[in-house]
Amino acid sequence: MNIVKEPLSGGSALARDYIENFEKVSHLYGGDFRSKESRSIRAEWLDRSEGLRADRTQVAACLRQYNEKHNSHDAVMSSLALLEQPGTLVVTGGQQSGLFTGPLLVVYKAMTTIMAAKEAAEQLGRPIIPLFWIAGEDHDWDEVNHTYVLNRTQEITKIKIEKSEEKRSSVSNIRVEDESWQQVVEQLDALLQDSDFKPQIMEFIRSSSFRADSMTDAFAKLMGSLFGKFGLILLDSADPNLRKLEEPFFTSLIMQNDALETAYMNSASDIVNAGYELQADVTAGNANLFYIHEGVRLLLHKKDGVFADRKGQVSFTRDELLEEVKVHPELFSNNVLTRPLMQDYVLPVLATVLGQGEIAYWAIPHRAFEIIGGQMPLIIPRMSFTVVEGTLHKHMDKYQLSFEDVRQGLDRKRHEWLAAQDELGIEQRFEETKATFSAMYEPLIEQLGTIQAGLLKLGNNNKDKILDQITFLQAKAQDAMAKQNEAAIRQWERIELSLMPLGKLQERVYNIMYYLNRYGLPWLDELMAIEPDYSGTHRIIYM
């Protein structure tokens, strides 16, 4: 593999400044992730504030129970044993569970988390372990129920799994029937090309999916199969056993809800006043907590001392809500603004790995950490890649295309290339013919109009029909030219389809299974051997 940096423009201005100009936005975040001093300061604070967090032995026991079920690698058990020891810190990354692990960016986030934990441990000389926080409490089923692969004929294909219920439940609580798993696994099997590695890939997909009750279960098993040997601990935010440990902090979130609301609103003002756009909704009266009622996840709002959902299906006074969380903590869950706080309560988080969109909205809870007596953890930008297969690289060289050309869209360049293949100058000659015809015919039509008014209209209609026929022949000639270059056009399409599917970066669309099927499971080890880079710079992997 050859790795080349390819800086990309675009994205959130706030995230770009966090990465490239930290001093400008330091008031919105914790320390500078690049600074060893910031890491040391954060580690020392975590040591001093041990008593503010959930008991680490209980957290480790909860996570051991979950990982023994889904991710029982020896290296994971070793990480959990370290987590029980005072002084061990954690680097976290997280994502919603997705079909067959979801898009490639999920894999890159797990890679970044593992590499960053290893580097920080060496730098600080103390145990630091990687943990992946599965956002199983989220309820956006349509966001996680599908994935994309390139099929045998090199076309993009969407695979989608159906659920058996229509409730707006947390993804971890939505049951997926065996029949649905069988259907999507068979579809993937039919789409992937035959290869030496396919039997192994399909075997661990089947073993993870057919033993899974939910999307999160299958996701955890697959992530464990890929990353367990690197010691990556998995956590499901919807785990009922974890909820019991989180109950004291949910109580704090309710008790200090008004102060937290003010903190979020003030942070939003800080961000807007600094010239940035908000990346998450901050609205007055939002409790930033969900309550699960009859299996449905409801966002709570506050009005006149009452916590209720918008439709009034549930309603609690503050005291009633406090009693409910004490008795049924499993019925509560966080939103995007309280999740960072909860993560910091559950774990001794040295740093968390985020994509650029997440970096931008994490600025919103920065004041909220102070309300709960905490400090914002360091933020490490997720590593970002595009994989260019060897044949594609040759085609790009052949047509003198850069990755930036592909990212901006190839329509103009493809048209220019096709025009250059027209040695007869067909397109120009047709245009000249139409112009010459019109120049000769229009004066005649005008003269005919002096003889009889009806001839003017008839003449113009006649001219348009003749021009239409010339244009028709021109289109046929262009089609013939395209057919003559059909193989080349397919190569252009294949380049664009592989590198910018659906007009998006490859890592946001395609699933890793296509690449594992092509290159085998050892390909992941090759990725893990890539030099870490936390600068937020996109990199191209030339195979």
Protein backbone atom coordinates (compact mmCIF):
# COMPACT_ATOMS: atom_id res chain seq x y z
CA MET A 1 0.00 0.00 0.00
CA ASN A 2 1.09 3.55 -0.73
CA ILE A 3 -0.37 6.26 1.51
CA VAL A 4 -0.66 9.83 0.20
CA LYS A 5 -2.10 12.84 2.03
CA GLU A 6 -4.97 14.56 0.26
CA PRO A 7 -6.18 17.62 2.21
CA LEU A 8 -9.88 18.28 1.60
CA SER A 9 -11.66 21.59 1.72
CA GLY A 10 -15.16 21.90 3.11
CA GLY A 11 -16.71 20.63 6.31
CA SER A 12 -17.56 22.62 9.41
CA ALA A 13 -15.58 25.84 9.90
CA LEU A 14 -15.55 25.19 13.66
CA ALA A 15 -14.07 21.71 13.23
CA ARG A 16 -11.47 23.04 10.80
CA ASP A 17 -10.41 25.70 13.28
CA TYR A 18 -10.27 23.10 16.07
CA ILE A 19 -7.86 21.06 13.97
CA GLU A 20 -5.87 23.81 12.27
CA ASN A 21 -6.16 26.84 14.56
CA PHE A 22 -6.86 25.55 18.06
CA GLU A 23 -6.04 28.79 19.90
CA LYS A 24 -8.92 30.48 18.08
CA VAL A 25 -11.48 28.04 19.55
CA SER A 26 -9.73 26.88 22.74
CA HIS A 27 -12.44 28.57 24.85
CA LEU A 28 -14.99 26.13 23.37
CA TYR A 29 -13.09 22.92 24.15
CA GLY A 30 -10.75 21.17 26.58
CA GLY A 31 -7.00 21.03 25.96
CA ASP A 32 -5.15 20.71 22.68
CA PHE A 33 -5.13 17.05 21.67
CA ARG A 34 -1.68 17.43 20.05
CA SER A 35 -0.04 18.59 23.27
CA LYS A 36 1.62 16.11 25.62
CA GLU A 37 1.13 18.70 28.36
CA SER A 38 -2.64 18.71 27.73
CA ARG A 39 -2.70 14.92 27.97
CA SER A 40 -0.74 15.00 31.23
CA ILE A 41 -3.02 17.67 32.69
CA ARG A 42 -6.11 15.69 31.73
CA ALA A 43 -4.66 12.48 33.18
CA GLU A 44 -3.80 14.20 36.47
CA TRP A 45 -7.31 15.64 36.72
CA LEU A 46 -8.80 12.19 36.11
CA ASP A 47 -6.66 10.79 38.92
CA ARG A 48 -7.86 13.51 41.31
CA SER A 49 -11.53 13.18 40.33
CA GLU A 50 -11.81 9.38 40.55
CA GLY A 51 -14.53 9.70 43.17
CA LEU A 52 -16.80 11.70 40.86
CA ARG A 53 -17.27 8.79 38.47
CA ALA A 54 -18.98 5.43 38.57
CA ASP A 55 -17.08 2.71 40.42
CA ARG A 56 -14.60 1.33 37.90
CA THR A 57 -14.80 -2.23 39.23
CA GLN A 58 -18.56 -2.25 38.71
CA VAL A 59 -18.19 -0.72 35.24
CA ALA A 60 -15.56 -3.32 34.33
CA ALA A 61 -17.82 -6.11 35.59
CA CYS A 62 -20.72 -4.81 33.49
CA LEU A 63 -18.53 -4.51 30.39
CA ARG A 64 -17.02 -7.96 30.99
CA GLN A 65 -20.49 -9.49 30.97
CA TYR A 66 -21.31 -7.75 27.68
CA ASN A 67 -17.99 -8.51 25.99
CA GLU A 68 -17.96 -12.16 27.06
CA LYS A 69 -21.18 -12.46 25.07
CA HIS A 70 -20.12 -10.56 21.95
CA ASN A 71 -16.37 -9.88 22.02
CA SER A 72 -14.64 -12.51 24.16
CA HIS A 73 -11.10 -12.13 22.86
CA ASP A 74 -8.25 -12.62 25.37
CA ALA A 75 -6.92 -9.14 24.57
CA VAL A 76 -10.30 -7.63 25.47
CA MET A 77 -10.33 -9.46 28.80
CA SER A 78 -6.84 -8.09 29.46
CA SER A 79 -8.09 -4.57 28.71
CA LEU A 80 -10.96 -5.07 31.14
CA ALA A 81 -8.58 -6.31 33.82
CA LEU A 82 -6.59 -3.11 33.34
CA LEU A 83 -9.74 -0.99 33.53
CA GLU A 84 -10.37 -2.33 37.04
CA GLN A 85 -7.04 -0.93 38.20
CA PRO A 86 -6.88 2.65 39.49
CA GLY A 87 -4.89 4.85 37.14
CA THR A 88 -5.98 3.15 33.92
CA LEU A 89 -7.46 5.64 31.48
CA VAL A 90 -9.59 5.20 28.37
CA VAL A 91 -9.62 6.52 24.81
CA THR A 92 -13.13 6.21 23.40
CA GLY A 93 -14.70 6.26 19.98
CA GLY A 94 -18.28 5.53 19.11
CA GLN A 95 -20.97 5.22 16.50
CA GLN A 96 -24.44 3.88 15.93
CA SER A 97 -24.58 0.20 15.14
CA GLY A 98 -24.86 -0.33 11.39
CA LEU A 99 -25.59 -3.24 9.06
CA PHE A 100 -22.43 -5.33 8.58
CA THR A 101 -20.59 -2.59 10.60
CA GLY A 102 -22.01 0.21 8.43
CA PRO A 103 -19.83 2.55 6.35
CA LEU A 104 -16.03 2.41 6.32
CA LEU A 105 -15.75 5.46 8.57
CA VAL A 106 -16.88 3.26 11.49
CA VAL A 107 -13.88 1.00 10.93
CA TYR A 108 -11.57 4.02 10.64
CA LYS A 109 -12.93 5.40 13.92
CA ALA A 110 -12.21 2.11 15.71
CA MET A 111 -8.70 2.08 14.20
CA THR A 112 -8.07 5.64 15.38
CA THR A 113 -9.27 4.78 18.89
CA ILE A 114 -6.94 1.79 19.18
CA MET A 115 -3.93 3.63 17.76
CA ALA A 116 -4.51 6.74 19.88
CA ALA A 117 -4.78 4.69 23.08
CA LYS A 118 -1.53 2.88 22.30
CA GLU A 119 0.29 6.13 21.53
CA ALA A 120 -1.02 7.86 24.66
CA ALA A 121 0.00 4.90 26.84
CA GLU A 122 3.55 5.08 25.50
CA GLN A 123 3.65 8.84 25.84
CA LEU A 124 2.30 9.01 29.42
CA GLY A 125 3.82 5.74 30.64
CA ARG A 126 0.58 4.35 32.07
CA PRO A 127 -2.19 1.92 31.00
CA ILE A 128 -4.60 3.47 28.50
CA ILE A 129 -7.11 1.19 26.82
CA PRO A 130 -9.39 1.61 23.77
CA LEU A 131 -13.17 1.42 24.05
CA PHE A 132 -15.88 1.68 21.40
CA TRP A 133 -19.15 3.21 22.61
CA ILE A 134 -22.00 1.72 20.55
CA ALA A 135 -24.86 4.22 20.48
CA GLY A 136 -27.48 1.50 20.81
CA GLU A 137 -29.86 3.86 22.61
CA ASP A 138 -30.40 5.87 19.41
CA HIS A 139 -33.70 5.28 17.66
CA ASP A 140 -32.98 6.35 14.07
CA TRP A 141 -33.55 2.95 12.46
CA ASP A 142 -33.51 4.31 8.91
CA GLU A 143 -29.97 5.58 9.44
CA VAL A 144 -28.55 2.16 10.38
CA ASN A 145 -30.72 -0.40 8.56
CA HIS A 146 -28.75 -0.44 5.31
CA THR A 147 -25.33 -0.49 3.73
CA TYR A 148 -23.82 -0.28 0.25
CA VAL A 149 -21.47 -2.55 -1.67
CA LEU A 150 -20.12 -2.76 -5.20
CA ASN A 151 -21.71 -5.80 -6.83
CA ARG A 152 -20.21 -8.31 -9.26
CA THR A 153 -20.80 -5.98 -12.21
CA GLN A 154 -19.23 -3.04 -10.34
CA GLU A 155 -22.49 -1.24 -9.65
CA ILE A 156 -23.45 0.28 -6.32
CA THR A 157 -26.10 -1.77 -4.53
CA LYS A 158 -28.02 -1.00 -1.35
CA ILE A 159 -28.71 -3.79 1.12
CA LYS A 160 -31.48 -3.06 3.60
CA ILE A 161 -32.80 -5.07 6.53
CA GLU A 162 -36.39 -4.96 7.72
CA LYS A 163 -37.55 -4.87 11.31
CA SER A 164 -40.56 -6.64 12.71
CA GLU A 165 -42.06 -3.68 14.55
CA GLU A 166 -42.81 -0.04 13.81
CA LYS A 167 -42.15 1.41 17.25
CA ARG A 168 -39.68 4.28 17.60
CA SER A 169 -37.53 2.19 19.91
CA SER A 170 -33.81 2.25 20.59
CA VAL A 171 -31.94 0.27 17.95
CA SER A 172 -30.69 -2.16 20.62
CA ASN A 173 -34.29 -2.91 21.58
CA ILE A 174 -35.59 -3.52 18.05
CA ARG A 175 -35.76 -7.23 17.41
CA VAL A 176 -34.56 -8.46 14.02
CA GLU A 177 -35.97 -11.83 13.04
CA ASP A 178 -33.84 -14.69 11.74
CA GLU A 179 -35.63 -14.52 8.40
CA SER A 180 -34.56 -10.90 7.93
CA TRP A 181 -30.94 -11.74 8.76
CA GLN A 182 -30.99 -14.65 6.32
CA GLN A 183 -32.34 -12.44 3.57
CA VAL A 184 -29.65 -9.74 3.84
CA VAL A 185 -26.81 -12.23 4.32
CA GLU A 186 -27.88 -14.13 1.19
CA GLN A 187 -28.12 -10.84 -0.68
CA LEU A 188 -24.59 -9.89 0.34
CA ASP A 189 -23.34 -13.33 -0.63
CA ALA A 190 -24.89 -12.98 -4.08
CA LEU A 191 -23.46 -9.48 -4.59
CA LEU A 192 -19.85 -10.12 -3.58
CA GLN A 193 -17.54 -11.51 -6.22
CA ASP A 194 -16.13 -14.97 -5.67
CA SER A 195 -12.69 -14.81 -4.11
CA ASP A 196 -10.27 -16.90 -2.06
CA PHE A 197 -11.37 -14.99 1.03
CA LYS A 198 -15.14 -15.04 0.54
CA PRO A 199 -15.90 -18.30 2.43
CA GLN A 200 -14.16 -16.97 5.54
CA ILE A 201 -15.80 -13.55 5.29
CA MET A 202 -19.27 -15.00 4.82
CA GLU A 203 -18.74 -17.44 7.67
CA PHE A 204 -18.07 -14.79 10.28
CA ILE A 205 -20.90 -12.66 8.90
CA ARG A 206 -23.29 -15.60 9.24
CA SER A 207 -22.07 -16.50 12.72
CA SER A 208 -22.50 -12.93 13.95
CA SER A 209 -25.86 -12.28 12.30
CA PHE A 210 -27.68 -15.55 12.89
CA ARG A 211 -26.99 -15.41 16.63
CA ALA A 212 -28.09 -11.79 16.97
CA ASP A 213 -31.40 -10.58 18.35
CA SER A 214 -30.82 -6.99 17.26
CA MET A 215 -28.75 -4.85 14.95
CA THR A 216 -26.55 -3.88 17.88
CA ASP A 217 -25.84 -7.52 18.77
CA ALA A 218 -24.72 -8.28 15.20
CA PHE A 219 -22.68 -5.09 15.05
CA ALA A 220 -20.92 -5.91 18.31
CA LYS A 221 -20.08 -9.44 17.18
CA LEU A 222 -18.64 -8.23 13.87
CA MET A 223 -16.65 -5.43 15.51
CA GLY A 224 -15.36 -7.96 18.01
CA SER A 225 -14.34 -10.29 15.19
CA LEU A 226 -12.41 -7.47 13.54
CA PHE A 227 -10.92 -5.60 16.49
CA GLY A 228 -11.09 -7.85 19.55
CA LYS A 229 -7.49 -8.99 19.06
CA PHE A 230 -6.41 -5.36 19.50
CA GLY A 231 -8.03 -5.19 22.92
CA LEU A 232 -10.94 -2.96 21.87
CA ILE A 233 -13.66 -3.08 24.55
CA LEU A 234 -17.25 -2.70 23.34
CA LEU A 235 -19.99 -0.88 25.26
CA ASP A 236 -23.67 -0.70 24.34
CA SER A 237 -25.16 2.53 25.66
CA ALA A 238 -28.56 0.79 25.89
CA ASP A 239 -27.27 -2.05 28.09
CA PRO A 240 -29.75 -2.35 31.03
CA ASN A 241 -26.91 -3.37 33.36
CA LEU A 242 -25.05 -0.19 32.47
CA ARG A 243 -28.18 1.86 33.11
CA LYS A 244 -28.17 0.74 36.75
CA LEU A 245 -24.66 2.16 37.16
CA GLU A 246 -25.72 5.38 35.42
CA GLU A 247 -28.69 6.01 37.72
CA PRO A 248 -26.84 8.46 40.04
CA PHE A 249 -25.79 10.56 37.07
CA PHE A 250 -29.27 10.54 35.52
CA THR A 251 -30.42 11.83 38.89
CA SER A 252 -27.85 14.64 38.64
CA LEU A 253 -28.97 15.47 35.11
CA ILE A 254 -32.54 15.85 36.35
CA MET A 255 -31.61 17.78 39.51
CA GLN A 256 -29.43 20.24 37.58
CA ASN A 257 -31.49 20.29 34.42
CA ASP A 258 -32.22 24.02 34.48
CA ALA A 259 -28.57 24.90 35.03
CA LEU A 260 -27.56 22.53 32.24
CA GLU A 261 -30.11 24.10 29.92
CA THR A 262 -28.63 27.52 30.63
CA ALA A 263 -25.14 26.15 30.00
CA TYR A 264 -26.17 24.73 26.62
CA MET A 265 -27.87 27.97 25.63
CA ASN A 266 -24.84 30.03 26.66
CA SER A 267 -22.50 27.71 24.78
CA ALA A 268 -24.68 28.05 21.70
CA SER A 269 -24.40 31.82 21.99
CA ASP A 270 -20.62 31.54 22.36
CA ILE A 271 -20.45 29.50 19.16
CA VAL A 272 -22.73 31.76 17.13
CA ASN A 273 -21.03 34.93 18.43
CA ALA A 274 -17.71 33.48 17.32
CA GLY A 275 -19.08 33.28 13.79
CA TYR A 276 -19.84 29.56 13.58
CA GLU A 277 -23.01 27.61 12.81
CA LEU A 278 -24.58 25.34 15.40
CA GLN A 279 -24.30 21.65 14.49
CA ALA A 280 -27.04 20.45 16.86
CA ASP A 281 -30.37 21.88 18.01
CA VAL A 282 -30.35 23.84 21.25
CA THR A 283 -33.87 24.81 22.24
CA ALA A 284 -35.31 26.32 25.37
CA GLY A 285 -37.23 23.84 27.52
CA ASN A 286 -35.47 20.77 26.13
CA ALA A 287 -34.56 18.41 28.98
CA ASN A 288 -32.04 16.67 26.71
CA LEU A 289 -33.20 13.32 28.06
CA PHE A 290 -35.30 10.53 26.59
CA TYR A 291 -37.83 8.37 28.42
CA ILE A 292 -38.87 5.00 27.05
CA HIS A 293 -42.64 4.54 27.31
CA GLU A 294 -44.14 1.24 26.14
CA GLY A 295 -41.06 0.62 24.05
CA VAL A 296 -41.13 4.06 22.39
CA ARG A 297 -38.28 6.54 22.99
CA LEU A 298 -39.74 9.96 23.85
CA LEU A 299 -37.79 13.20 24.16
CA LEU A 300 -38.69 15.07 27.34
CA HIS A 301 -39.37 18.81 27.53
CA LYS A 302 -39.91 21.05 30.54
CA LYS A 303 -42.70 23.50 31.18
CA ASP A 304 -43.90 24.92 34.49
CA GLY A 305 -41.94 22.32 36.46
CA VAL A 306 -43.35 19.38 34.48
CA PHE A 307 -41.33 17.01 32.28
CA ALA A 308 -43.37 15.67 29.37
CA ASP A 309 -43.07 14.64 25.73
CA ARG A 310 -44.53 16.84 22.98
CA LYS A 311 -47.66 14.70 22.60
CA GLY A 312 -48.33 14.39 26.31
CA GLN A 313 -48.04 10.61 26.42
CA VAL A 314 -46.02 10.86 29.62
CA SER A 315 -45.83 13.61 32.23
CA PHE A 316 -43.79 13.85 35.45
CA THR A 317 -43.06 16.41 38.08
CA ARG A 318 -39.37 16.64 38.89
CA ASP A 319 -39.85 14.57 42.07
CA GLU A 320 -41.81 11.93 40.14
CA LEU A 321 -39.09 11.79 37.49
CA LEU A 322 -36.42 11.39 40.18
CA GLU A 323 -38.36 8.52 41.71
CA GLU A 324 -38.86 6.92 38.29
CA VAL A 325 -35.15 7.02 37.45
CA LYS A 326 -34.37 5.49 40.81
CA VAL A 327 -36.75 2.59 40.23
CA HIS A 328 -36.40 2.20 36.45
CA PRO A 329 -33.08 3.63 35.21
CA GLU A 330 -33.33 1.35 32.17
CA LEU A 331 -36.17 3.57 30.88
CA PHE A 332 -33.91 6.62 30.51
CA SER A 333 -31.39 7.52 27.83
CA ASN A 334 -29.27 10.46 26.71
CA ASN A 335 -29.39 12.69 23.68
CA VAL A 336 -26.37 14.06 21.79
CA LEU A 337 -25.79 16.82 24.35
CA THR A 338 -25.94 14.73 27.53
CA ARG A 339 -24.16 11.66 26.12
CA PRO A 340 -20.69 13.30 26.38
CA LEU A 341 -21.39 14.03 30.05
CA MET A 342 -22.58 10.49 30.73
CA GLN A 343 -19.56 8.98 28.99
CA ASP A 344 -17.31 11.05 31.25
CA TYR A 345 -19.17 9.80 34.32
CA VAL A 346 -18.99 6.14 33.35
CA LEU A 347 -15.34 6.11 32.20
CA PRO A 348 -12.03 7.85 32.95
CA VAL A 349 -11.88 9.35 29.45
CA LEU A 350 -8.52 10.77 28.50
CA ALA A 351 -9.68 11.53 24.96
CA THR A 352 -12.50 10.74 22.59
CA VAL A 353 -12.25 10.17 18.83
CA LEU A 354 -14.70 12.19 16.76
CA GLY A 355 -15.47 12.96 13.12
CA GLN A 356 -15.51 16.59 12.05
CA GLY A 357 -19.29 16.95 12.39
CA GLU A 358 -19.11 15.58 15.92
CA ILE A 359 -16.19 17.86 16.81
CA ALA A 360 -18.39 20.82 15.90
CA TYR A 361 -21.38 19.85 18.05
CA TRP A 362 -19.22 18.78 21.00
CA ALA A 363 -18.51 22.48 21.53
CA ILE A 364 -22.11 22.87 22.72
CA PRO A 365 -21.75 20.90 26.03
CA HIS A 366 -18.40 22.48 26.97
CA ARG A 367 -20.00 24.69 29.68
CA ALA A 368 -22.21 21.80 30.83
CA PHE A 369 -19.14 19.86 31.99
CA GLU A 370 -18.47 22.65 34.51
CA ILE A 371 -22.03 22.43 35.87
CA ILE A 372 -21.53 18.78 36.81
CA GLY A 373 -18.07 19.39 38.24
CA GLY A 374 -16.31 17.84 35.28
CA GLN A 375 -13.94 18.83 32.50
CA MET A 376 -14.25 18.24 28.80
CA PRO A 377 -11.99 15.41 27.60
CA LEU A 378 -9.50 15.90 24.81
CA ILE A 379 -10.83 15.36 21.29
CA ILE A 380 -8.90 13.44 18.64
CA PRO A 381 -9.98 13.81 14.99
CA ARG A 382 -10.88 10.51 13.35
CA MET A 383 -8.53 9.30 10.64
CA SER A 384 -10.01 9.51 7.15
CA PHE A 385 -9.16 7.46 4.03
CA THR A 386 -10.14 6.66 0.47
CA VAL A 387 -9.05 3.30 -0.94
CA VAL A 388 -7.92 3.34 -4.59
CA GLU A 389 -7.57 -0.14 -6.02
CA GLY A 390 -4.65 -0.86 -8.35
CA THR A 391 -6.64 -1.04 -11.59
CA LEU A 392 -8.42 2.21 -10.79
CA HIS A 393 -5.10 3.92 -10.12
CA LYS A 394 -3.90 2.86 -13.59
CA HIS A 395 -7.07 4.23 -15.16
CA MET A 396 -6.67 7.53 -13.30
CA ASP A 397 -3.11 7.82 -14.59
CA LYS A 398 -4.27 6.93 -18.10
CA TYR A 399 -6.79 9.79 -18.15
CA GLN A 400 -4.59 12.11 -16.04
CA LEU A 401 -7.14 12.36 -13.24
CA SER A 402 -6.36 13.40 -9.68
CA PHE A 403 -8.46 12.52 -6.64
CA GLU A 404 -9.55 16.17 -6.50
CA ASP A 405 -10.81 15.86 -10.09
CA VAL A 406 -12.95 12.90 -9.05
CA ARG A 407 -14.20 14.65 -5.93
CA GLN A 408 -15.38 17.67 -7.92
CA GLY A 409 -17.18 15.46 -10.47
CA LEU A 410 -15.97 14.08 -13.77
CA ASP A 411 -18.73 15.21 -16.15
CA ARG A 412 -16.79 18.12 -17.62
CA LYS A 413 -13.50 16.24 -17.94
CA ARG A 414 -15.20 13.18 -19.37
CA HIS A 415 -16.94 15.34 -21.99
CA GLU A 416 -13.64 17.02 -22.86
CA TRP A 417 -11.94 13.65 -23.21
CA LEU A 418 -14.69 12.30 -25.45
CA ALA A 419 -14.54 15.44 -27.59
CA ALA A 420 -10.81 14.89 -27.99
CA GLN A 421 -11.49 11.42 -29.38
CA ASP A 422 -13.58 12.95 -32.19
CA GLU A 423 -10.93 13.04 -34.89
CA LEU A 424 -13.55 13.92 -37.53
CA GLY A 425 -14.73 16.94 -35.56
CA ILE A 426 -18.29 15.65 -35.77
CA GLU A 427 -19.79 17.86 -33.08
CA GLN A 428 -18.28 21.06 -34.50
CA ARG A 429 -19.25 20.17 -38.06
CA PHE A 430 -22.86 19.52 -37.07
CA GLU A 431 -23.02 22.85 -35.27
CA GLU A 432 -21.53 24.60 -38.29
CA THR A 433 -24.00 22.84 -40.59
CA LYS A 434 -26.98 23.94 -38.49
CA ALA A 435 -25.70 27.52 -38.38
CA THR A 436 -25.07 27.59 -42.15
CA PHE A 437 -28.47 26.10 -42.92
CA SER A 438 -30.22 28.63 -40.69
CA ALA A 439 -28.29 31.52 -42.23
CA MET A 440 -29.29 30.44 -45.76
CA TYR A 441 -32.89 29.39 -45.04
CA GLU A 442 -34.13 32.22 -42.79
CA PRO A 443 -33.83 35.00 -45.46
CA LEU A 444 -35.78 32.81 -47.91
CA ILE A 445 -38.55 32.25 -45.34
CA GLU A 446 -38.82 36.00 -44.74
CA GLN A 447 -39.18 36.65 -48.50
CA LEU A 448 -41.86 33.97 -48.77
CA GLY A 449 -43.76 35.79 -46.05
CA THR A 450 -44.13 38.79 -48.34
CA ILE A 451 -45.93 36.61 -50.87
CA GLN A 452 -48.37 35.11 -48.35
CA ALA A 453 -48.42 35.51 -44.54
CA GLY A 454 -49.14 31.82 -44.01
CA LEU A 455 -45.89 30.86 -45.75
CA LEU A 456 -43.86 32.58 -42.99
CA LYS A 457 -45.29 30.34 -40.28
CA LEU A 458 -45.06 27.27 -42.50
CA GLY A 459 -41.45 28.11 -43.37
CA ASN A 460 -40.41 28.50 -39.72
CA ASN A 461 -42.05 25.20 -38.81
CA ASN A 462 -40.28 23.57 -41.75
CA LYS A 463 -36.93 25.02 -40.63
CA ASP A 464 -37.41 23.74 -37.06
CA LYS A 465 -38.24 20.24 -38.31
CA ILE A 466 -35.12 20.16 -40.49
CA LEU A 467 -32.97 21.38 -37.56
CA ASP A 468 -34.56 18.72 -35.34
CA GLN A 469 -33.62 16.07 -37.87
CA ILE A 470 -30.04 17.34 -38.04
CA THR A 471 -29.88 17.35 -34.22
CA PHE A 472 -31.31 13.81 -34.18
CA LEU A 473 -28.54 12.63 -36.51
CA GLN A 474 -26.00 14.53 -34.39
CA ALA A 475 -27.17 12.66 -31.27
CA LYS A 476 -26.95 9.35 -33.10
CA ALA A 477 -23.41 10.18 -34.20
CA GLN A 478 -22.49 11.10 -30.61
CA ASP A 479 -23.98 7.83 -29.38
CA ALA A 480 -21.92 5.96 -31.95
CA MET A 481 -18.80 7.79 -30.77
CA ALA A 482 -19.65 6.91 -27.17
CA LYS A 483 -20.21 3.28 -28.13
CA GLN A 484 -16.84 3.26 -29.86
CA ASN A 485 -15.35 4.39 -26.51
CA GLU A 486 -17.70 2.33 -24.34
CA ALA A 487 -14.93 0.50 -22.49
CA ALA A 488 -13.22 3.78 -21.66
CA ILE A 489 -16.46 5.37 -20.47
CA ARG A 490 -17.04 2.41 -18.16
CA GLN A 491 -13.58 3.03 -16.72
CA TRP A 492 -14.48 6.67 -16.04
CA GLU A 493 -17.73 5.60 -14.40
CA ARG A 494 -15.94 2.95 -12.33
CA ILE A 495 -13.47 5.56 -11.03
CA GLU A 496 -16.25 7.88 -9.92
CA LEU A 497 -18.42 5.10 -8.55
CA SER A 498 -15.60 3.68 -6.46
CA LEU A 499 -14.13 6.90 -5.08
CA MET A 500 -17.18 9.19 -4.80
CA PRO A 501 -20.29 6.96 -4.67
CA LEU A 502 -23.56 8.88 -4.48
CA GLY A 503 -21.47 12.05 -4.65
CA LYS A 504 -20.00 11.34 -1.18
CA LEU A 505 -16.62 10.26 0.11
CA GLN A 506 -16.16 6.51 -0.19
CA GLU A 507 -15.84 6.11 3.59
CA ARG A 508 -19.35 7.49 4.10
CA VAL A 509 -21.01 4.96 1.80
CA TYR A 510 -19.24 1.66 1.24
CA ASN A 511 -19.00 -1.22 3.64
CA ILE A 512 -15.70 -2.89 4.56
CA MET A 513 -16.91 -6.34 3.51
CA TYR A 514 -16.30 -5.58 -0.18
CA TYR A 515 -12.63 -4.85 0.59
CA LEU A 516 -12.17 -7.77 2.97
CA ASN A 517 -13.62 -10.01 0.27
CA ARG A 518 -11.07 -8.61 -2.20
CA TYR A 519 -7.99 -8.57 0.04
CA GLY A 520 -8.76 -10.86 2.97
CA LEU A 521 -8.84 -10.29 6.72
CA PRO A 522 -5.06 -9.59 6.78
CA TRP A 523 -5.89 -6.34 4.96
CA LEU A 524 -7.19 -4.97 8.26
CA ASP A 525 -3.81 -5.71 9.84
CA GLU A 526 -2.20 -3.71 7.01
CA LEU A 527 -4.52 -0.80 7.79
CA MET A 528 -3.63 -1.03 11.48
CA ALA A 529 0.05 -0.76 10.52
CA ILE A 530 -0.48 2.62 8.81
CA GLU A 531 1.28 5.52 10.53
CA PRO A 532 -1.24 7.26 12.81
CA ASP A 533 -2.22 10.78 11.79
CA TYR A 534 -4.55 12.82 13.96
CA SER A 535 -4.29 16.01 11.90
CA GLY A 536 -7.69 15.49 10.31
CA THR A 537 -6.02 15.22 6.89
CA HIS A 538 -7.69 12.86 4.44
CA ARG A 539 -5.36 10.19 3.03
CA ILE A 540 -5.47 8.06 -0.08
CA ILE A 541 -4.58 4.38 0.18
CA TYR A 542 -3.26 3.22 -3.19
CA MET A 543 -3.45 -0.56 -3.33
